[in-house]
C-alpha atoms as a PDB file:
ATOM      1  CA  MET A   1      -2.792   0.388  -6.380  1.00  0.00           C
ATOM      2  CA  THR A   2      -3.534   1.463  -2.924  1.00  0.00           C
ATOM      3  CA  PRO A   3      -1.079   0.280  -0.060  1.00  0.00           C
ATOM      4  CA  ALA A   4      -1.383  -3.160   1.867  1.00  0.00           C
ATOM      5  CA  GLY A   5      -4.376  -2.494   4.837  1.00  0.00           C
ATOM      6  CA  ARG A   6      -5.636   0.914   3.478  1.00  0.00           C
ATOM      7  CA  PRO A   7      -8.619   0.949   1.705  1.00  0.00           C
ATOM      8  CA  PRO A   8      -9.299   1.670  -1.842  1.00  0.00           C
ATOM      9  CA  THR A   9      -9.845   5.951  -2.636  1.00  0.00           C
ATOM     10  CA  ARG A  10     -13.720   4.710  -3.923  1.00  0.00           C
ATOM     11  CA  SER A  11     -14.380   3.430   0.012  1.00  0.00           C
ATOM     12  CA  ARG A  12     -12.901   6.160   1.486  1.00  0.00           C
ATOM     13  CA  VAL A  13     -14.833   8.716  -0.347  1.00  0.00           C
ATOM     14  CA  SER A  14     -18.013   7.133   0.216  1.00  0.00           C
ATOM     15  CA  ALA A  15     -17.511   6.691   4.161  1.00  0.00           C
ATOM     16  CA  ALA A  16     -16.442  10.726   3.744  1.00  0.00           C
ATOM     17  CA  LEU A  17     -20.017  11.042   2.237  1.00  0.00           C
ATOM     18  CA  ALA A  18     -21.899   9.228   4.847  1.00  0.00           C
ATOM     19  CA  GLY A  19     -20.004  10.999   7.810  1.00  0.00           C
ATOM     20  CA  LEU A  20     -21.388  13.942   5.651  1.00  0.00           C
ATOM     21  CA  ALA A  21     -24.429  13.552   5.610  1.00  0.00           C
ATOM     22  CA  CYS A  22     -24.338  12.349   9.658  1.00  0.00           C
ATOM     23  CA  ALA A  23     -23.195  16.037   9.963  1.00  0.00           C
ATOM     24  CA  ALA A  24     -26.264  17.616   8.297  1.00  0.00           C
ATOM     25  CA  CYS A  25     -28.328  15.602   9.779  1.00  0.00           C
ATOM     26  CA  CYS A  26     -27.259  16.897  13.649  1.00  0.00           C
ATOM     27  CA  ALA A  27     -27.325  20.138  12.022  1.00  0.00           C
ATOM     28  CA  LEU A  28     -31.073  19.723  11.241  1.00  0.00           C
ATOM     29  CA  PRO A  29     -32.417  21.109  14.885  1.00  0.00           C
ATOM     30  CA  PHE A  30     -30.463  24.565  13.898  1.00  0.00           C
ATOM     31  CA  LEU A  31     -31.564  24.571  10.965  1.00  0.00           C
ATOM     32  CA  ILE A  32     -35.096  24.513  12.781  1.00  0.00           C
ATOM     33  CA  ALA A  33     -34.198  27.110  15.142  1.00  0.00           C
ATOM     34  CA  ALA A  34     -32.899  29.402  12.518  1.00  0.00           C
ATOM     35  CA  GLY A  35     -36.310  29.054  10.754  1.00  0.00           C
ATOM     36  CA  VAL A  36     -34.508  27.592   7.600  1.00  0.00           C
ATOM     37  CA  LEU A  37     -36.579  24.363   8.032  1.00  0.00           C
ATOM     38  CA  THR A  38     -40.186  23.257   9.537  1.00  0.00           C
ATOM     39  CA  GLY A  39     -40.675  19.971  11.527  1.00  0.00           C
ATOM     40  CA  ALA A  40     -42.451  18.315   8.994  1.00  0.00           C
ATOM     41  CA  GLY A  41     -39.242  19.294   6.427  1.00  0.00           C
ATOM     42  CA  ALA A  42     -36.782  18.022   9.244  1.00  0.00           C
ATOM     43  CA  ALA A  43     -38.952  14.812   9.865  1.00  0.00           C
ATOM     44  CA  VAL A  44     -38.478  13.914   6.184  1.00  0.00           C
ATOM     45  CA  LEU A  45     -35.283  15.181   5.541  1.00  0.00           C
ATOM     46  CA  GLU A  46     -33.775  13.242   8.697  1.00  0.00           C
ATOM     47  CA  LYS A  47     -35.355   9.737   7.341  1.00  0.00           C
ATOM     48  CA  THR A  48     -33.424  10.702   3.387  1.00  0.00           C
ATOM     49  CA  LEU A  49     -30.602  11.668   5.460  1.00  0.00           C
ATOM     50  CA  LEU A  50     -30.233   8.750   7.483  1.00  0.00           C
ATOM     51  CA  ALA A  51     -31.024   6.420   4.957  1.00  0.00           C
ATOM     52  CA  VAL A  52     -28.514   7.744   2.075  1.00  0.00           C
ATOM     53  CA  ALA A  53     -25.883   7.537   5.073  1.00  0.00           C
ATOM     54  CA  ALA A  54     -26.646   4.010   5.742  1.00  0.00           C
ATOM     55  CA  LEU A  55     -26.296   3.025   2.146  1.00  0.00           C
ATOM     56  CA  LEU A  56     -22.895   4.903   1.939  1.00  0.00           C
ATOM     57  CA  VAL A  57     -21.504   3.176   4.578  1.00  0.00           C
ATOM     58  CA  THR A  58     -22.476  -0.318   3.780  1.00  0.00           C
ATOM     59  CA  ALA A  59     -21.463   0.468  -0.009  1.00  0.00           C
ATOM     60  CA  ALA A  60     -17.862   2.051   1.825  1.00  0.00           C
ATOM     61  CA  ALA A  61     -18.050  -1.584   3.658  1.00  0.00           C
ATOM     62  CA  GLY A  62     -18.743  -3.643   0.576  1.00  0.00           C
ATOM     63  CA  MET A  63     -15.991  -1.839  -1.791  1.00  0.00           C
ATOM     64  CA  TRP A  64     -12.932  -2.440   1.104  1.00  0.00           C
ATOM     65  CA  TRP A  65     -14.185  -5.992   1.728  1.00  0.00           C
ATOM     66  CA  GLN A  66     -13.945  -6.621  -2.407  1.00  0.00           C
ATOM     67  CA  HIS A  67     -10.799  -4.849  -2.423  1.00  0.00           C
ATOM     68  CA  ARG A  68      -9.019  -7.052   0.128  1.00  0.00           C
ATOM     69  CA  ARG A  69     -10.642 -10.020  -1.287  1.00  0.00           C
ATOM     70  CA  ARG A  70      -9.163  -9.258  -4.919  1.00  0.00           C
ATOM     71  CA  SER A  71      -5.793  -8.170  -3.407  1.00  0.00           C
ATOM     72  CA  ALA A  72      -5.374 -11.203  -0.885  1.00  0.00           C
ATOM     73  CA  ARG A  73      -6.326 -13.675  -4.000  1.00  0.00           C
ATOM     74  CA  ALA A  74      -3.785 -11.754  -6.365  1.00  0.00           C
ATOM     75  CA  GLY A  75      -1.334 -11.791  -3.695  1.00  0.00           C
ATOM     76  CA  GLY A  76      -1.013 -15.589  -2.921  1.00  0.00           C
ATOM     77  CA  GLY A  77      -2.883 -14.805   0.537  1.00  0.00           C
ATOM     78  CA  CYS A  78      -0.383 -13.839   2.460  1.00  0.00           C
ATOM     79  CA  SER A  79      -0.977 -10.378   4.256  1.00  0.00           C
ATOM     80  CA  CYS A  80       2.488 -10.351   5.680  1.00  0.00           C
END
């Protein structure tokens, strides 16, 4: 069980993966300059990474909210 006010591990992992997807999206211009990706490949990859990051952030927020709701219900509703 996580301490009060701290998100569960699965939520933190999901948020960290979303941050990693954002960092990879920011690295795309460097990959294009290095010749690793073409412009078209980078465009497709950018849309995919943005969608994955948005999905992961939404999942992390949902898991955190669900955790808070369950712990509030189990603790009698007092967040003191």
